[in-house]
């Protein structure tokens, strides 16, 4: 790590030299046919790796110096020395200024930091902590504590956080993924369990000492808006609460990383939305609607975990963020959900805080909600060019009231009227649900027309990755968000 301005300047100079070397190396090898392509790539990758490491060090130092880090995460007391150095930089103190506060010579602080405080006494470290004005917290686990991965999994399962989810979203990839956990040594497993617990605690508010104690665990989902959400009897409330907290945490990170977005007023009339998309992008697609929503200052976070809710919207401090979560690869369904959530985002603009969390399309509570019905009609109106109700009537007339005939009739009407089969099927399923009929399975089978193209989750993920400023997040939060956006 970079510890002072001199090292910062030296690292910048090294970065320029390697950039120049890489450019020269690439140009010379492109002209040579004597170098094996694999050797060329290996040498190029080595230089690229050096560049990445130097850039990360520079970015970290600049972020600390600019005061963009408020919390430094420690996995163990062994990381305390580097945290003290980072805290000094973040406090805007030079090595000399810290030395002056302690009544020491600048060279003494330089020696301490050069050896990662190996020669400093415990008393001296406490004096430095006090001089920096920082707070250090660390759990102390007694020898009888069961600090194991199995204990971690068992305890978190009590509050709806499942083992597979932990392995997928929090388990360090450097530890070998989720394979052969039983073969990990006891010491290594204990260390990994603490690392994972520290990440979990950041998202769910459960401290490692809570997790590895014998006291009952409990999540508080009030901050994520769960208090306003009614779930069906068949819903696993523990899993839903846990996942909602997770999604809410990610949504807050996205808001932090998109603070430079404009915060425009969202149109409430579907004609305005459709006209804005078509006039700007030429025609209505999921990608174009996504671009439009982002242009309003509303970031869209796509998630691909199974279960829990089917979408969410949060307004925090007057800023809106939409979370989309569908297992289907139908762009029409993703478009439908995006426009549905946009309607929610447009409501009650005078409120600084607002939350909507969506259950499945067939949930009774959702079907009985006037707000949900209006949001769905809004989405259907836009996707079907204002003809949603007219097209439903045409389908019903042609099917002569037979629900069994609709699977044949809907594609026929869509083709004749030049509208999307998938979009018409989605709206037809919604209309039938108001009559107590579950036609969503048939609608899903009619989504095949647009599943051969780019995965809509990937489209939304890539669009987000291009627009968020990960430099606004600390390393821990940045990695949590990136894991949530990973393919696996």
Protein backbone atom coordinates (compact mmCIF):
# COMPACT_ATOMS: atom_id res chain seq x y z
CA UNK A 1 0.00 0.00 0.00
CA UNK A 2 1.01 3.64 -0.51
CA UNK A 3 1.83 5.25 2.83
CA UNK A 4 2.87 8.81 2.00
CA UNK A 5 3.10 11.43 -0.75
CA UNK A 6 6.60 10.38 -1.79
CA UNK A 7 5.48 6.79 -2.35
CA UNK A 8 2.41 8.15 -4.17
CA UNK A 9 4.59 10.06 -6.63
CA UNK A 10 6.91 7.07 -7.08
CA UNK A 11 3.93 4.79 -7.79
CA UNK A 12 2.53 7.23 -10.33
CA UNK A 13 5.90 7.29 -12.09
CA UNK A 14 6.01 3.48 -12.08
CA UNK A 15 2.51 3.40 -13.56
CA UNK A 16 3.54 5.65 -16.47
CA UNK A 17 6.64 3.56 -17.16
CA UNK A 18 4.67 0.31 -17.29
CA UNK A 19 1.99 1.91 -19.49
CA UNK A 20 4.71 3.01 -21.91
CA UNK A 21 6.39 -0.40 -21.75
CA UNK A 22 3.11 -2.15 -22.47
CA UNK A 23 2.39 0.11 -25.46
CA UNK A 24 5.90 -0.41 -26.85
CA UNK A 25 5.74 -4.14 -26.19
CA UNK A 26 2.36 -4.48 -27.92
CA UNK A 27 3.43 -2.49 -30.98
CA UNK A 28 6.71 -4.37 -31.44
CA UNK A 29 5.14 -7.80 -31.07
CA UNK A 30 2.31 -7.01 -33.46
CA UNK A 31 5.01 -6.51 -36.09
CA UNK A 32 6.87 -9.70 -35.24
CA UNK A 33 5.94 -13.16 -36.41
CA UNK A 34 8.71 -14.84 -34.39
CA UNK A 35 6.91 -14.65 -31.05
CA UNK A 36 4.43 -17.39 -30.19
CA UNK A 37 0.96 -15.90 -29.55
CA UNK A 38 0.67 -17.61 -26.16
CA UNK A 39 4.00 -16.18 -25.00
CA UNK A 40 2.97 -12.76 -26.24
CA UNK A 41 -0.31 -12.97 -24.34
CA UNK A 42 1.40 -14.21 -21.15
CA UNK A 43 3.81 -11.27 -21.15
CA UNK A 44 1.03 -8.84 -21.97
CA UNK A 45 -1.13 -10.23 -19.14
CA UNK A 46 1.78 -9.85 -16.71
CA UNK A 47 2.15 -6.17 -17.58
CA UNK A 48 -1.60 -5.65 -17.39
CA UNK A 49 -1.62 -7.27 -13.95
CA UNK A 50 1.10 -4.89 -12.73
CA UNK A 51 -0.87 -1.95 -14.08
CA UNK A 52 -4.03 -3.08 -12.29
CA UNK A 53 -2.22 -3.45 -8.97
CA UNK A 54 -0.62 -0.02 -9.20
CA UNK A 55 -3.90 1.60 -10.22
CA UNK A 56 -5.69 0.00 -7.27
CA UNK A 57 -3.02 1.30 -4.88
CA UNK A 58 -3.27 4.80 -6.34
CA UNK A 59 -7.07 4.78 -6.28
CA UNK A 60 -7.10 3.60 -2.66
CA UNK A 61 -4.63 6.30 -1.58
CA UNK A 62 -6.53 9.02 -3.45
CA UNK A 63 -9.84 7.88 -1.95
CA UNK A 64 -8.35 7.92 1.55
CA UNK A 65 -6.76 11.31 1.01
CA UNK A 66 -10.05 12.73 -0.33
CA UNK A 67 -11.94 11.53 2.75
CA UNK A 68 -14.12 9.05 0.82
CA UNK A 69 -13.60 6.25 3.34
CA UNK A 70 -15.40 6.45 6.68
CA UNK A 71 -15.11 2.85 7.87
CA UNK A 72 -12.17 0.48 7.54
CA UNK A 73 -13.10 -3.17 7.80
CA UNK A 74 -10.85 -5.50 9.84
CA UNK A 75 -11.05 -9.26 9.61
CA UNK A 76 -8.56 -9.63 12.47
CA UNK A 77 -6.26 -7.59 14.71
CA UNK A 78 -3.44 -8.52 12.34
CA UNK A 79 -4.86 -5.92 9.95
CA UNK A 80 -4.77 -3.14 12.57
CA UNK A 81 -1.35 -1.74 11.52
CA UNK A 82 -2.44 -1.11 7.93
CA UNK A 83 -5.72 0.33 9.23
CA UNK A 84 -3.79 2.84 11.37
CA UNK A 85 -1.82 3.98 8.35
CA UNK A 86 -4.99 4.31 6.27
CA UNK A 87 -6.69 6.18 9.12
CA UNK A 88 -3.82 8.69 9.25
CA UNK A 89 -4.09 9.31 5.50
CA UNK A 90 -7.89 9.61 5.68
CA UNK A 91 -7.54 12.10 8.55
CA UNK A 92 -5.42 14.32 6.29
CA UNK A 93 -2.37 14.01 8.52
CA UNK A 94 1.18 13.68 7.24
CA UNK A 95 3.64 11.46 9.10
CA UNK A 96 5.22 14.62 10.57
CA UNK A 97 1.87 15.98 11.77
CA UNK A 98 1.04 12.72 13.52
CA UNK A 99 4.50 12.71 15.09
CA UNK A 100 3.95 16.26 16.35
CA UNK A 101 0.70 15.20 18.03
CA UNK A 102 2.57 12.43 19.84
CA UNK A 103 5.64 14.48 20.66
CA UNK A 104 7.81 12.24 18.49
CA UNK A 105 10.17 12.79 15.58
CA UNK A 106 8.85 12.27 12.07
CA UNK A 107 11.44 9.53 11.50
CA UNK A 108 9.88 7.47 14.31
CA UNK A 109 6.47 7.41 12.62
CA UNK A 110 8.19 6.59 9.32
CA UNK A 111 9.90 3.60 10.98
CA UNK A 112 6.66 2.45 12.59
CA UNK A 113 4.79 2.53 9.29
CA UNK A 114 7.67 1.03 7.28
CA UNK A 115 7.57 -2.05 9.55
CA UNK A 116 3.76 -2.07 9.95
CA UNK A 117 4.15 -1.09 13.61
CA UNK A 118 6.10 -4.26 14.41
CA UNK A 119 8.36 -2.32 16.81
CA UNK A 120 5.57 -0.30 18.47
CA UNK A 121 4.45 -1.21 21.96
CA UNK A 122 0.80 -1.80 22.80
CA UNK A 123 0.81 1.44 24.78
CA UNK A 124 2.16 3.32 21.77
CA UNK A 125 -0.52 1.86 19.49
CA UNK A 126 -3.21 3.01 21.93
CA UNK A 127 -1.65 6.50 21.92
CA UNK A 128 -1.73 6.55 18.11
CA UNK A 129 -5.38 5.45 18.05
CA UNK A 130 -6.20 8.29 20.45
CA UNK A 131 -4.16 10.82 18.46
CA UNK A 132 -5.99 9.87 15.27
CA UNK A 133 -9.35 10.16 17.00
CA UNK A 134 -10.58 6.85 15.62
CA UNK A 135 -12.67 4.07 17.14
CA UNK A 136 -11.58 0.45 16.95
CA UNK A 137 -13.95 -2.41 17.65
CA UNK A 138 -13.01 -6.05 17.65
CA UNK A 139 -14.88 -9.09 18.97
CA UNK A 140 -13.03 -11.40 21.34
CA UNK A 141 -14.20 -15.01 21.16
CA UNK A 142 -13.46 -17.31 24.07
CA UNK A 143 -11.87 -20.74 23.45
CA UNK A 144 -15.23 -22.44 23.99
CA UNK A 145 -16.83 -20.52 21.10
CA UNK A 146 -17.94 -22.60 18.11
CA UNK A 147 -16.44 -20.51 15.31
CA UNK A 148 -17.08 -22.88 12.41
CA UNK A 149 -18.67 -22.63 8.99
CA UNK A 150 -21.29 -25.18 9.97
CA UNK A 151 -22.24 -23.09 13.00
CA UNK A 152 -22.43 -20.05 10.75
CA UNK A 153 -24.71 -21.80 8.26
CA UNK A 154 -26.92 -23.28 10.98
CA UNK A 155 -27.35 -20.02 12.86
CA UNK A 156 -28.08 -17.91 9.78
CA UNK A 157 -30.61 -20.44 8.52
CA UNK A 158 -32.70 -19.53 11.57
CA UNK A 159 -33.34 -16.10 10.07
CA UNK A 160 -33.86 -17.22 6.46
CA UNK A 161 -30.29 -16.82 5.16
CA UNK A 162 -29.56 -20.14 3.45
CA UNK A 163 -26.21 -21.87 3.05
CA UNK A 164 -26.21 -21.78 -0.77
CA UNK A 165 -26.93 -18.06 -0.74
CA UNK A 166 -24.03 -17.41 1.66
CA UNK A 167 -21.66 -19.44 -0.52
CA UNK A 168 -22.82 -17.65 -3.64
CA UNK A 169 -22.78 -14.06 -2.37
CA UNK A 170 -20.42 -13.87 0.63
CA UNK A 171 -17.97 -16.77 0.63
CA UNK A 172 -14.49 -15.61 -0.49
CA UNK A 173 -13.73 -16.82 -4.02
CA UNK A 174 -10.06 -16.96 -3.07
CA UNK A 175 -10.95 -19.74 -0.65
CA UNK A 176 -11.90 -22.06 -3.48
CA UNK A 177 -15.54 -21.25 -3.96
CA UNK A 178 -18.04 -23.56 -2.31
CA UNK A 179 -16.25 -26.82 -3.03
CA UNK A 180 -15.03 -29.31 -0.42
CA UNK A 181 -15.67 -27.11 2.60
CA UNK A 182 -15.42 -30.14 4.88
CA UNK A 183 -11.80 -30.59 3.80
CA UNK A 184 -10.72 -27.14 5.02
CA UNK A 185 -8.53 -27.21 8.13
CA UNK A 186 -10.09 -26.19 11.44
CA UNK A 187 -8.03 -22.99 11.75
CA UNK A 188 -8.74 -21.97 8.15
CA UNK A 189 -12.45 -22.75 8.53
CA UNK A 190 -12.63 -20.63 11.69
CA UNK A 191 -10.94 -17.71 9.94
CA UNK A 192 -13.25 -18.05 6.93
CA UNK A 193 -16.30 -18.21 9.17
CA UNK A 194 -15.29 -14.92 10.80
CA UNK A 195 -14.63 -13.30 7.41
CA UNK A 196 -18.04 -14.34 6.11
CA UNK A 197 -19.73 -13.30 9.36
CA UNK A 198 -18.18 -9.84 9.06
CA UNK A 199 -19.65 -9.44 5.56
CA UNK A 200 -23.03 -10.80 6.60
CA UNK A 201 -23.10 -8.44 9.59
CA UNK A 202 -22.55 -5.47 7.28
CA UNK A 203 -25.61 -6.33 5.22
CA UNK A 204 -27.99 -7.79 7.80
CA UNK A 205 -26.99 -5.98 10.99
CA UNK A 206 -26.03 -9.16 12.84
CA UNK A 207 -22.67 -8.85 14.57
CA UNK A 208 -20.26 -11.83 14.56
CA UNK A 209 -20.76 -12.11 18.31
CA UNK A 210 -24.53 -12.37 17.70
CA UNK A 211 -24.05 -15.02 15.05
CA UNK A 212 -21.75 -17.25 17.08
CA UNK A 213 -23.61 -16.91 20.38
CA UNK A 214 -26.41 -19.15 21.62
CA UNK A 215 -28.97 -16.35 21.82
CA UNK A 216 -31.86 -16.34 19.34
CA UNK A 217 -31.17 -14.38 16.15
CA UNK A 218 -33.62 -11.86 14.77
CA UNK A 219 -33.56 -9.58 11.74
CA UNK A 220 -35.06 -6.11 11.71
CA UNK A 221 -36.52 -5.51 8.26
CA UNK A 222 -38.33 -2.27 9.14
CA UNK A 223 -35.67 -0.14 7.45
CA UNK A 224 -36.20 -2.00 4.20
CA UNK A 225 -39.94 -1.32 4.21
CA UNK A 226 -41.07 -4.80 5.16
CA UNK A 227 -43.53 -3.35 7.66
CA UNK A 228 -45.73 -2.22 4.72
CA UNK A 229 -45.61 -5.53 2.91
CA UNK A 230 -48.30 -8.18 3.28
CA UNK A 231 -47.27 -11.66 2.22
CA UNK A 232 -49.24 -14.74 1.30
CA UNK A 233 -49.56 -17.64 3.71
CA UNK A 234 -47.31 -19.80 1.53
CA UNK A 235 -44.52 -17.22 1.53
CA UNK A 236 -41.42 -18.03 3.57
CA UNK A 237 -41.41 -14.83 5.59
CA UNK A 238 -37.93 -15.43 7.04
CA UNK A 239 -36.38 -15.84 3.60
CA UNK A 240 -38.35 -12.91 2.21
CA UNK A 241 -37.29 -10.64 5.07
CA UNK A 242 -33.64 -11.65 4.74
CA UNK A 243 -33.54 -11.21 0.98
CA UNK A 244 -35.37 -7.88 1.19
CA UNK A 245 -32.72 -6.60 3.60
CA UNK A 246 -30.03 -7.78 1.19
CA UNK A 247 -31.67 -6.11 -1.81
CA UNK A 248 -32.25 -2.92 0.18
CA UNK A 249 -28.57 -2.80 1.15
CA UNK A 250 -27.56 -3.23 -2.50
CA UNK A 251 -30.05 -0.57 -3.59
CA UNK A 252 -28.49 1.89 -1.14
CA UNK A 253 -25.04 1.10 -2.54
CA UNK A 254 -26.30 1.76 -6.07
CA UNK A 255 -27.74 5.10 -4.97
CA UNK A 256 -24.41 6.01 -3.37
CA UNK A 257 -22.54 5.03 -6.54
CA UNK A 258 -24.87 7.04 -8.83
CA UNK A 259 -25.02 10.28 -6.85
CA UNK A 260 -24.23 12.29 -10.00
CA UNK A 261 -27.43 11.23 -11.80
CA UNK A 262 -30.05 13.92 -12.43
CA UNK A 263 -33.21 13.60 -10.36
CA UNK A 264 -35.98 14.40 -12.84
CA UNK A 265 -39.71 14.35 -12.35
CA UNK A 266 -41.22 11.06 -13.54
CA UNK A 267 -44.22 11.38 -15.89
CA UNK A 268 -47.40 9.88 -14.50
CA UNK A 269 -49.29 9.40 -17.76
CA UNK A 270 -48.41 6.33 -19.87
CA UNK A 271 -48.70 8.29 -23.13
CA UNK A 272 -45.93 10.62 -21.96
CA UNK A 273 -43.65 7.72 -21.12
CA UNK A 274 -44.22 5.85 -24.37
CA UNK A 275 -43.84 9.00 -26.47
CA UNK A 276 -40.58 9.90 -24.69
CA UNK A 277 -39.10 6.45 -25.32
CA UNK A 278 -40.21 6.17 -28.95
CA UNK A 279 -39.24 9.74 -29.89
CA UNK A 280 -35.80 9.34 -28.32
CA UNK A 281 -34.86 5.78 -29.25
CA UNK A 282 -37.10 4.98 -32.23
CA UNK A 283 -39.18 2.17 -30.79
CA UNK A 284 -40.09 0.48 -27.50
CA UNK A 285 -37.82 -2.30 -26.21
CA UNK A 286 -36.65 -3.32 -22.79
CA UNK A 287 -33.22 -1.80 -23.41
CA UNK A 288 -34.70 1.49 -24.62
CA UNK A 289 -37.06 1.66 -21.64
CA UNK A 290 -34.09 0.92 -19.39
CA UNK A 291 -32.12 3.81 -20.92
CA UNK A 292 -35.10 6.09 -20.47
CA UNK A 293 -35.58 5.19 -16.80
CA UNK A 294 -31.89 5.81 -16.10
CA UNK A 295 -32.14 9.17 -17.91
CA UNK A 296 -34.76 10.19 -15.34
CA UNK A 297 -32.19 9.59 -12.62
CA UNK A 298 -33.64 6.24 -11.53
CA UNK A 299 -30.96 3.51 -11.38
CA UNK A 300 -32.15 -0.03 -12.06
CA UNK A 301 -30.59 -2.91 -10.14
CA UNK A 302 -31.16 -6.39 -11.69
CA UNK A 303 -30.83 -9.45 -9.46
CA UNK A 304 -30.92 -13.10 -10.52
CA UNK A 305 -31.38 -15.00 -7.27
CA UNK A 306 -34.34 -17.37 -7.09
CA UNK A 307 -37.28 -16.92 -4.75
CA UNK A 308 -38.31 -14.06 -2.43
CA UNK A 309 -39.93 -11.04 -4.08
CA UNK A 310 -40.41 -10.34 -7.80
CA UNK A 311 -39.39 -6.70 -7.83
CA UNK A 312 -39.07 -3.69 -5.59
CA UNK A 313 -38.90 0.07 -5.53
CA UNK A 314 -37.34 2.29 -2.89
CA UNK A 315 -37.17 6.02 -2.51
CA UNK A 316 -34.45 7.12 -0.11
CA UNK A 317 -33.72 10.76 0.60
CA UNK A 318 -35.85 11.78 -2.37
CA UNK A 319 -34.03 9.51 -4.84
CA UNK A 320 -35.64 6.48 -6.51
CA UNK A 321 -34.11 3.09 -7.24
CA UNK A 322 -35.79 0.10 -8.92
CA UNK A 323 -34.90 -3.54 -8.31
CA UNK A 324 -35.91 -6.08 -10.96
CA UNK A 325 -35.82 -9.79 -10.21
CA UNK A 326 -37.21 -12.33 -12.66
CA UNK A 327 -35.93 -15.81 -13.48
CA UNK A 328 -37.35 -15.62 -17.00
CA UNK A 329 -35.26 -14.47 -19.97
CA UNK A 330 -38.28 -12.86 -21.57
CA UNK A 331 -37.47 -9.24 -22.38
CA UNK A 332 -41.22 -8.54 -22.55
CA UNK A 333 -41.67 -9.64 -18.93
CA UNK A 334 -38.71 -7.54 -17.80
CA UNK A 335 -40.08 -4.56 -19.74
CA UNK A 336 -43.48 -5.07 -18.14
CA UNK A 337 -41.96 -5.18 -14.63
CA UNK A 338 -39.75 -2.15 -15.27
CA UNK A 339 -42.68 0.01 -16.36
CA UNK A 340 -44.76 -1.32 -13.47
CA UNK A 341 -42.11 -0.19 -10.96
CA UNK A 342 -41.69 3.12 -12.78
CA UNK A 343 -45.35 3.87 -12.06
CA UNK A 344 -44.69 3.29 -8.36
CA UNK A 345 -41.67 5.59 -8.53
CA UNK A 346 -43.82 8.37 -10.00
CA UNK A 347 -46.33 8.34 -7.14
CA UNK A 348 -46.28 10.73 -4.15
CA UNK A 349 -43.20 12.66 -5.33
CA UNK A 350 -43.50 14.91 -2.28
CA UNK A 351 -42.43 12.01 -0.03
CA UNK A 352 -38.70 11.57 0.62
CA UNK A 353 -39.15 7.92 1.60
CA UNK A 354 -41.32 5.32 -0.13
CA UNK A 355 -41.26 1.54 -0.53
CA UNK A 356 -43.01 -1.04 -2.69
CA UNK A 357 -42.05 -4.73 -2.61
CA UNK A 358 -43.72 -7.06 -5.07
CA UNK A 359 -44.93 -10.58 -4.36
CA UNK A 360 -45.66 -12.99 -7.24
CA UNK A 361 -48.25 -12.12 -9.88
CA UNK A 362 -50.68 -14.67 -8.45
CA UNK A 363 -50.49 -13.49 -4.82
CA UNK A 364 -53.96 -12.63 -3.49
CA UNK A 365 -52.70 -9.54 -1.68
CA UNK A 366 -51.25 -8.19 -4.94
CA UNK A 367 -54.39 -8.95 -6.93
CA UNK A 368 -56.54 -7.11 -4.39
CA UNK A 369 -54.34 -4.01 -4.31
CA UNK A 370 -55.74 -1.09 -6.31
CA UNK A 371 -52.25 0.41 -6.51
CA UNK A 372 -50.89 -2.80 -8.06
CA UNK A 373 -53.74 -3.00 -10.56
CA UNK A 374 -53.14 0.59 -11.66
CA UNK A 375 -49.40 0.02 -12.01
CA UNK A 376 -50.02 -3.05 -14.15
CA UNK A 377 -52.54 -1.24 -16.38
CA UNK A 378 -49.95 1.52 -16.78
CA UNK A 379 -47.34 -1.02 -17.96
CA UNK A 380 -49.82 -2.75 -20.27
CA UNK A 381 -50.95 0.54 -21.79
CA UNK A 382 -47.36 1.45 -22.70
CA UNK A 383 -46.28 -1.94 -24.02
CA UNK A 384 -49.41 -2.30 -26.17
CA UNK A 385 -49.50 1.29 -27.45
CA UNK A 386 -52.61 2.28 -25.53
CA UNK A 387 -54.65 -0.64 -26.93
CA UNK A 388 -54.36 -3.10 -24.03
CA UNK A 389 -58.06 -3.28 -23.15
CA UNK A 390 -59.13 -3.23 -26.81
CA UNK A 391 -56.80 -6.17 -27.59
CA UNK A 392 -58.08 -8.14 -24.60
CA UNK A 393 -61.63 -7.74 -25.87
CA UNK A 394 -60.59 -8.90 -29.36
CA UNK A 395 -58.99 -12.01 -27.89
CA UNK A 396 -62.03 -12.78 -25.74
CA UNK A 397 -64.36 -12.34 -28.69
CA UNK A 398 -62.31 -14.58 -30.95
CA UNK A 399 -61.95 -17.21 -28.22
CA UNK A 400 -65.71 -17.01 -27.63
CA UNK A 401 -65.20 -16.91 -23.86
CA UNK A 402 -63.06 -20.07 -23.82
CA UNK A 403 -59.92 -19.70 -21.75
CA UNK A 404 -58.57 -22.90 -23.32
CA UNK A 405 -58.68 -21.24 -26.75
CA UNK A 406 -56.69 -18.19 -25.68
CA UNK A 407 -53.32 -19.86 -26.12
CA UNK A 408 -54.16 -20.21 -29.81
CA UNK A 409 -55.99 -16.91 -30.15
CA UNK A 410 -53.51 -14.53 -28.47
CA UNK A 411 -50.67 -15.16 -31.00
CA UNK A 412 -53.15 -14.85 -33.85
CA UNK A 413 -54.54 -11.51 -32.64
CA UNK A 414 -51.04 -10.21 -31.85
CA UNK A 415 -49.85 -11.00 -35.38
CA UNK A 416 -52.91 -9.43 -36.99
CA UNK A 417 -52.74 -6.28 -34.87
CA UNK A 418 -48.95 -6.03 -35.13
CA UNK A 419 -48.18 -6.13 -31.40
CA UNK A 420 -45.87 -8.27 -29.30
CA UNK A 421 -47.26 -11.74 -28.54
CA UNK A 422 -45.34 -11.82 -25.25
CA UNK A 423 -46.63 -8.42 -24.14
CA UNK A 424 -50.21 -9.27 -25.04
CA UNK A 425 -49.93 -12.60 -23.22
CA UNK A 426 -48.63 -10.86 -20.09
CA UNK A 427 -51.51 -8.40 -20.05
CA UNK A 428 -54.05 -11.12 -20.78
CA UNK A 429 -52.72 -13.08 -17.79
CA UNK A 430 -53.17 -10.02 -15.61
CA UNK A 431 -56.74 -9.45 -16.81
CA UNK A 432 -57.67 -13.08 -16.25
CA UNK A 433 -56.16 -12.94 -12.74
CA UNK A 434 -58.78 -10.30 -11.87
CA UNK A 435 -61.37 -12.99 -12.62
CA UNK A 436 -59.63 -15.50 -10.39
CA UNK A 437 -58.03 -17.36 -13.31
CA UNK A 438 -54.31 -18.19 -13.26
CA UNK A 439 -53.13 -17.95 -16.88
CA UNK A 440 -49.52 -16.99 -16.09
CA UNK A 441 -48.22 -20.43 -17.04
CA UNK A 442 -49.68 -20.11 -20.53
CA UNK A 443 -48.37 -16.55 -20.79
CA UNK A 444 -44.90 -17.78 -19.88
CA UNK A 445 -45.06 -20.36 -22.68
CA UNK A 446 -45.83 -17.55 -25.13
CA UNK A 447 -42.67 -15.61 -24.22
CA UNK A 448 -40.51 -17.68 -26.59
CA UNK A 449 -40.51 -14.98 -29.27
CA UNK A 450 -37.90 -12.88 -27.47
CA UNK A 451 -35.84 -15.41 -25.49
CA UNK A 452 -33.29 -15.99 -28.27
CA UNK A 453 -31.78 -12.54 -27.81
CA UNK A 454 -29.57 -11.11 -25.08
CA UNK A 455 -30.52 -12.08 -21.55
CA UNK A 456 -32.42 -9.05 -20.16
CA UNK A 457 -30.77 -9.52 -16.77
CA UNK A 458 -27.39 -9.26 -18.46
CA UNK A 459 -28.54 -6.21 -20.43
CA UNK A 460 -29.63 -4.43 -17.26
CA UNK A 461 -26.51 -5.58 -15.36
CA UNK A 462 -24.11 -4.35 -18.04
CA UNK A 463 -25.94 -1.03 -18.30
CA UNK A 464 -25.59 -0.56 -14.55
CA UNK A 465 -21.90 -1.50 -14.56
CA UNK A 466 -21.23 1.16 -17.18
CA UNK A 467 -22.88 3.90 -15.15
CA UNK A 468 -22.07 3.36 -11.49
CA UNK A 469 -19.02 4.96 -9.92
CA UNK A 470 -17.49 2.16 -7.88
CA UNK A 471 -14.93 4.62 -6.58
CA UNK A 472 -17.71 6.04 -4.38
CA UNK A 473 -17.86 2.76 -2.45
CA UNK A 474 -15.39 1.29 -0.03
CA UNK A 475 -13.70 -1.96 -1.00
CA UNK A 476 -15.96 -4.17 1.12
CA UNK A 477 -19.20 -2.71 -0.21
CA UNK A 478 -17.84 -2.67 -3.75
CA UNK A 479 -17.11 -6.40 -3.59
CA UNK A 480 -20.53 -7.18 -2.12
CA UNK A 481 -22.23 -5.33 -4.99
CA UNK A 482 -20.03 -6.96 -7.62
CA UNK A 483 -20.78 -10.41 -6.21
CA UNK A 484 -24.50 -9.63 -6.45
CA UNK A 485 -24.02 -8.77 -10.13
CA UNK A 486 -21.93 -11.83 -10.96
CA UNK A 487 -23.17 -14.54 -13.32
CA UNK A 488 -22.72 -17.44 -10.90
